[in-house]
Amino acid sequence: MKKIAFLIKSGEKFFLPFNHFRHIKSIRSASGKEIQADIITLPAASDKFIASACQKAKHLGAEMIGFDLNLYPWLQKNTLGIIENLNIPFNDGSIFTSWSIFEAVYRICKAKEINLMGSTVLIFGANKQVAGLCCRKLADCVNNISVAPSAEEFKKTAKNADILINLGTSENVSFDITALKERAIVCELYGCGVNPSDKLLRSDCTFIKTGLIKVPYPKKFCIYNRMPKGIICASLAETMLLAFEEKFANYSCAENINPDKLEEIADIAAGCGFEVWLPEAPVF
């Protein structure tokens, strides 16, 4: 049985450079394919911690490593070094994450009968790769779309957006929720977003979590707190899908990704029974 490993940035401060958090004996696709996975948590993203955790993953028999998107800022600076030294395929999941965000926006607009083509969309976040892929995909069905280049620009333009896509950032970014456009839709990537108590100030706006995937056979992954059973983040789901297809390659950790890969990963997901999880806009 094929085996993969996930590297997750933990909020806890472990004394060890990494922690072998959990072994998942079986993850199945709708077509009957099966893989195993090990989850390794890191207290911080550093050269030493990443190297130790990756060596542990290889020792456990992993044929490919999936990085959580929270590790993206570090990967952005050190990807080339990892490729040269690890000799094992790895991915940050930005391709399937970008697709899942696009589908979430499309579905929520359809459910609410919103004219997506005529909407103003603003994307902001530290993950430039996801922001760029989302922008290129949404450009097929949105006339007015932009990416805020800085936190300052984000704060200035957020109030004009019909649809705001927040990908999270290492900067201390906040915006006046009372200044949001009437009936605005705010799409928040898992792990970031508006304070829940602040959302009560704007009952007219819609806040949705994006980047989450429902697997065909419900399983408690125990990776993120309060995540429903059978739900996994798209960044890690991408590595699962590639393992099902035996595509052991650096699929998403690369520069200038061909947008056609979004369609490819979406087709693989459909064949494996993986669906974008969006309770606010179910698929009928």
Protein backbone atom coordinates (compact mmCIF):
# COMPACT_ATOMS: atom_id res chain seq x y z
CA MET A 1 0.00 0.00 0.00
CA LYS A 2 1.31 3.46 -0.94
CA LYS A 3 2.29 5.68 1.97
CA ILE A 4 2.53 9.45 2.35
CA ALA A 5 3.29 11.87 5.18
CA PHE A 6 1.83 15.24 6.18
CA LEU A 7 3.86 18.00 7.81
CA ILE A 8 1.69 20.28 9.94
CA LYS A 9 2.65 23.43 11.80
CA SER A 10 1.40 22.98 15.37
CA GLY A 11 0.37 25.75 17.71
CA GLU A 12 1.95 23.85 20.58
CA LYS A 13 5.58 24.32 21.56
CA PHE A 14 7.07 20.85 21.59
CA PHE A 15 10.52 20.35 23.05
CA LEU A 16 11.39 18.04 20.17
CA PRO A 17 11.93 19.48 16.66
CA PHE A 18 8.97 17.41 15.50
CA ASN A 19 6.35 15.02 16.80
CA HIS A 20 5.01 11.88 15.09
CA PHE A 21 1.43 12.80 15.88
CA ARG A 22 -0.61 10.03 14.28
CA HIS A 23 -0.61 7.13 11.83
CA ILE A 24 -3.66 6.69 9.58
CA LYS A 25 -3.91 3.05 8.52
CA SER A 26 -6.30 3.55 5.65
CA ILE A 27 -7.57 6.40 3.47
CA ARG A 28 -9.80 5.16 0.66
CA SER A 29 -11.02 6.71 -2.55
CA ALA A 30 -14.45 6.14 -4.05
CA SER A 31 -12.83 3.99 -6.72
CA GLY A 32 -11.43 1.59 -4.10
CA LYS A 33 -7.81 2.77 -4.03
CA GLU A 34 -6.19 2.85 -0.61
CA ILE A 35 -3.22 4.64 0.96
CA GLN A 36 -1.68 5.15 4.40
CA ALA A 37 -0.47 8.39 5.97
CA ASP A 38 1.62 9.63 8.88
CA ILE A 39 1.02 13.04 10.43
CA ILE A 40 4.08 14.87 11.72
CA THR A 41 3.67 18.14 13.61
CA LEU A 42 6.23 20.94 13.88
CA PRO A 43 6.45 23.61 16.61
CA ALA A 44 7.92 26.08 14.12
CA ALA A 45 9.06 26.27 10.52
CA SER A 46 12.85 26.26 10.46
CA ASP A 47 15.53 24.58 8.38
CA LYS A 48 16.43 22.26 11.25
CA PHE A 49 12.87 21.25 12.14
CA ILE A 50 11.78 20.74 8.53
CA ALA A 51 14.84 18.65 7.70
CA SER A 52 14.38 16.44 10.78
CA ALA A 53 10.67 15.94 10.11
CA CYS A 54 11.25 15.08 6.44
CA GLN A 55 13.92 12.54 7.34
CA LYS A 56 11.48 11.00 9.82
CA ALA A 57 8.82 10.81 7.09
CA LYS A 58 11.24 8.99 4.79
CA HIS A 59 12.22 6.64 7.61
CA LEU A 60 8.52 5.81 8.12
CA GLY A 61 8.30 4.83 4.47
CA ALA A 62 6.61 7.88 2.94
CA GLU A 63 6.86 8.13 -0.85
CA MET A 64 5.65 11.73 -0.93
CA ILE A 65 5.28 14.56 1.59
CA GLY A 66 2.38 17.00 1.81
CA PHE A 67 3.04 20.36 3.46
CA ASP A 68 0.26 22.28 5.16
CA LEU A 69 -0.28 25.75 3.66
CA ASN A 70 0.67 27.30 7.02
CA LEU A 71 4.25 26.33 6.13
CA TYR A 72 4.10 28.25 2.83
CA PRO A 73 6.08 31.34 3.98
CA TRP A 74 9.02 29.08 4.83
CA LEU A 75 8.65 26.97 1.69
CA GLN A 76 8.62 30.09 -0.46
CA LYS A 77 12.15 30.88 0.68
CA ASN A 78 13.57 27.37 0.83
CA THR A 79 11.84 25.24 -1.82
CA LEU A 80 14.92 24.82 -4.03
CA GLY A 81 17.04 23.67 -1.11
CA ILE A 82 14.43 21.09 -0.11
CA ILE A 83 14.27 19.66 -3.62
CA GLU A 84 18.06 19.35 -3.82
CA ASN A 85 18.47 17.71 -0.42
CA LEU A 86 15.40 15.59 0.25
CA ASN A 87 15.19 13.39 -2.84
CA ILE A 88 11.48 12.82 -2.17
CA PRO A 89 8.46 14.43 -3.90
CA PHE A 90 6.57 17.05 -1.90
CA ASN A 91 3.68 19.46 -2.38
CA ASP A 92 2.19 22.46 -0.61
CA GLY A 93 -1.31 21.80 -2.00
CA SER A 94 -1.74 25.23 -3.56
CA ILE A 95 -3.30 23.83 -6.75
CA PHE A 96 -6.22 21.98 -5.15
CA THR A 97 -6.62 24.80 -2.62
CA SER A 98 -6.98 27.30 -5.46
CA TRP A 99 -9.53 25.10 -7.22
CA SER A 100 -11.54 24.65 -4.01
CA ILE A 101 -11.69 28.42 -3.48
CA PHE A 102 -12.84 28.99 -7.04
CA GLU A 103 -15.57 26.37 -6.72
CA ALA A 104 -16.68 27.78 -3.36
CA VAL A 105 -17.05 31.27 -4.82
CA TYR A 106 -18.89 29.94 -7.86
CA ARG A 107 -21.29 27.82 -5.80
CA ILE A 108 -22.10 30.46 -3.19
CA CYS A 109 -22.88 32.99 -5.91
CA LYS A 110 -25.10 30.49 -7.68
CA ALA A 111 -26.91 29.60 -4.45
CA LYS A 112 -27.53 33.28 -3.67
CA GLU A 113 -28.35 34.17 -7.29
CA ILE A 114 -25.48 36.67 -7.45
CA ASN A 115 -24.13 37.81 -10.82
CA LEU A 116 -20.51 36.71 -10.49
CA MET A 117 -19.50 38.26 -13.80
CA GLY A 118 -20.65 41.68 -12.63
CA SER A 119 -19.17 41.40 -9.13
CA THR A 120 -16.02 43.07 -7.82
CA VAL A 121 -13.63 40.49 -6.38
CA LEU A 122 -10.65 41.26 -4.16
CA ILE A 123 -8.02 38.66 -3.21
CA PHE A 124 -5.53 39.15 -0.43
CA GLY A 125 -3.03 36.84 1.28
CA ALA A 126 0.59 35.93 1.90
CA ASN A 127 0.34 32.89 -0.39
CA LYS A 128 1.07 34.56 -3.71
CA GLN A 129 0.82 31.27 -5.61
CA VAL A 130 -2.76 30.59 -4.47
CA ALA A 131 -3.70 34.24 -4.99
CA GLY A 132 -2.32 34.16 -8.53
CA LEU A 133 -3.99 30.86 -9.46
CA CYS A 134 -7.34 32.00 -8.02
CA CYS A 135 -7.11 35.26 -9.94
CA ARG A 136 -6.35 33.51 -13.23
CA LYS A 137 -9.17 30.99 -12.78
CA LEU A 138 -11.76 33.53 -11.63
CA ALA A 139 -10.83 35.79 -14.56
CA ASP A 140 -12.76 33.36 -16.77
CA CYS A 141 -16.04 34.39 -15.14
CA VAL A 142 -15.38 37.75 -13.39
CA ASN A 143 -14.82 41.08 -15.14
CA ASN A 144 -13.49 43.04 -12.16
CA ILE A 145 -10.93 41.12 -10.10
CA SER A 146 -7.80 42.30 -8.33
CA VAL A 147 -5.12 41.15 -5.89
CA ALA A 148 -4.20 43.52 -3.05
CA PRO A 149 -0.38 43.78 -3.07
CA SER A 150 -0.08 44.86 0.56
CA ALA A 151 -1.94 45.00 3.86
CA GLU A 152 -2.36 48.74 3.46
CA GLU A 153 -3.94 48.37 0.03
CA PHE A 154 -6.18 45.60 1.36
CA LYS A 155 -7.56 47.87 4.09
CA LYS A 156 -8.26 50.61 1.56
CA THR A 157 -10.05 48.49 -1.02
CA ALA A 158 -11.85 45.84 1.07
CA LYS A 159 -14.87 48.11 1.53
CA ASN A 160 -15.48 48.19 -2.25
CA ALA A 161 -15.48 44.42 -2.84
CA ASP A 162 -18.63 42.40 -3.47
CA ILE A 163 -16.57 39.26 -2.85
CA LEU A 164 -13.49 39.31 -0.65
CA ILE A 165 -11.13 36.32 -0.58
CA ASN A 166 -8.87 36.30 2.47
CA LEU A 167 -6.01 33.80 2.18
CA GLY A 168 -4.41 34.74 5.49
CA THR A 169 -1.16 36.53 6.12
CA SER A 170 1.75 36.77 8.49
CA GLU A 171 1.10 40.52 8.74
CA ASN A 172 -1.22 41.99 11.33
CA VAL A 173 -4.10 42.67 8.96
CA SER A 174 -7.53 43.77 10.02
CA PHE A 175 -10.31 45.69 8.37
CA ASP A 176 -13.35 47.55 9.57
CA ILE A 177 -16.10 44.98 9.25
CA THR A 178 -18.74 47.71 9.53
CA ALA A 179 -17.34 49.25 6.35
CA LEU A 180 -17.90 46.16 4.22
CA LYS A 181 -20.12 46.61 1.21
CA GLU A 182 -23.76 45.69 1.76
CA ARG A 183 -24.37 41.94 1.35
CA ALA A 184 -20.67 41.32 0.75
CA ILE A 185 -19.40 37.75 0.65
CA VAL A 186 -16.22 37.09 2.64
CA CYS A 187 -14.40 33.86 1.74
CA GLU A 188 -11.92 32.91 4.45
CA LEU A 189 -9.29 30.23 3.98
CA TYR A 190 -9.34 27.73 6.85
CA GLY A 191 -7.14 28.84 9.74
CA CYS A 192 -7.75 32.55 9.26
CA GLY A 193 -10.63 34.97 9.19
CA VAL A 194 -12.76 37.53 10.97
CA ASN A 195 -13.35 37.22 14.71
CA PRO A 196 -16.66 35.31 15.13
CA SER A 197 -18.05 37.94 17.52
CA ASP A 198 -17.37 40.70 14.96
CA LYS A 199 -19.43 38.86 12.34
CA LEU A 200 -22.54 39.57 14.40
CA LEU A 201 -22.16 43.24 13.47
CA ARG A 202 -22.92 42.44 9.82
CA SER A 203 -25.75 39.93 9.57
CA ASP A 204 -26.29 41.00 5.94
CA CYS A 205 -22.86 39.70 4.91
CA THR A 206 -22.01 36.08 4.20
CA PHE A 207 -18.89 34.53 5.75
CA ILE A 208 -17.77 31.15 4.43
CA LYS A 209 -14.78 28.92 5.07
CA THR A 210 -12.96 27.75 1.95
CA GLY A 211 -10.20 25.27 1.22
CA LEU A 212 -11.96 22.34 2.89
CA ILE A 213 -12.65 18.95 1.29
CA LYS A 214 -15.07 16.14 2.13
CA VAL A 215 -13.65 12.65 1.65
CA PRO A 216 -15.89 9.76 0.48
CA TYR A 217 -15.40 7.64 3.61
CA PRO A 218 -15.75 9.75 6.81
CA LYS A 219 -12.66 9.65 9.00
CA LYS A 220 -11.49 11.73 11.94
CA PHE A 221 -8.11 13.08 10.88
CA CYS A 222 -7.51 14.94 14.17
CA ILE A 223 -5.35 17.55 12.44
CA TYR A 224 -7.27 20.73 13.19
CA ASN A 225 -9.49 21.52 16.15
CA ARG A 226 -13.25 21.50 15.56
CA MET A 227 -12.93 20.06 12.06
CA PRO A 228 -15.96 17.83 11.27
CA LYS A 229 -15.40 14.13 10.70
CA GLY A 230 -14.45 13.35 7.12
CA ILE A 231 -13.28 16.93 6.37
CA ILE A 232 -9.67 17.67 5.42
CA CYS A 233 -7.96 20.82 4.16
CA ALA A 234 -7.45 20.97 0.40
CA SER A 235 -3.68 21.38 0.70
CA LEU A 236 -3.34 17.92 2.28
CA ALA A 237 -6.11 16.39 0.17
CA GLU A 238 -4.02 17.22 -2.90
CA THR A 239 -1.25 14.90 -1.75
CA MET A 240 -3.81 12.16 -1.07
CA LEU A 241 -5.20 12.47 -4.59
CA LEU A 242 -1.77 12.38 -6.18
CA ALA A 243 -0.91 9.25 -4.18
CA PHE A 244 -4.13 7.55 -5.34
CA GLU A 245 -3.07 8.24 -8.93
CA GLU A 246 0.58 7.33 -8.16
CA LYS A 247 1.70 10.76 -9.34
CA PHE A 248 4.76 10.98 -7.10
CA ALA A 249 6.12 14.34 -8.21
CA ASN A 250 6.63 17.92 -7.05
CA TYR A 251 3.17 18.82 -8.33
CA SER A 252 2.46 22.18 -6.69
CA CYS A 253 5.83 23.33 -5.34
CA ALA A 254 7.03 25.01 -8.50
CA GLU A 255 7.11 28.41 -10.14
CA ASN A 256 4.72 29.45 -12.92
CA ILE A 257 2.25 26.60 -12.48
CA ASN A 258 0.15 25.86 -15.55
CA PRO A 259 -3.50 26.74 -14.72
CA ASP A 260 -4.53 23.54 -16.53
CA LYS A 261 -3.41 21.68 -13.41
CA LEU A 262 -6.47 23.09 -11.61
CA GLU A 263 -8.72 21.24 -14.03
CA GLU A 264 -6.56 18.13 -13.79
CA ILE A 265 -6.68 17.96 -9.98
CA ALA A 266 -10.43 18.65 -10.08
CA ASP A 267 -10.91 15.68 -12.42
CA ILE A 268 -8.80 13.45 -10.16
CA ALA A 269 -10.83 14.59 -7.13
CA ALA A 270 -14.12 13.79 -8.87
CA GLY A 271 -12.89 10.32 -9.79
CA CYS A 272 -11.79 9.68 -6.20
CA GLY A 273 -15.03 11.00 -4.68
CA PHE A 274 -13.47 14.06 -3.02
CA GLU A 275 -15.82 17.08 -2.91
CA VAL A 276 -15.40 20.73 -1.95
CA TRP A 277 -17.10 21.07 1.44
CA LEU A 278 -19.38 24.10 1.55
CA PRO A 279 -22.51 23.56 3.66
CA GLU A 280 -23.77 27.04 2.73
CA ALA A 281 -24.02 26.01 -0.93
CA PRO A 282 -24.51 22.25 -1.31
CA VAL A 283 -24.22 20.50 -4.66
CA PHE A 284 -27.57 19.32 -5.99
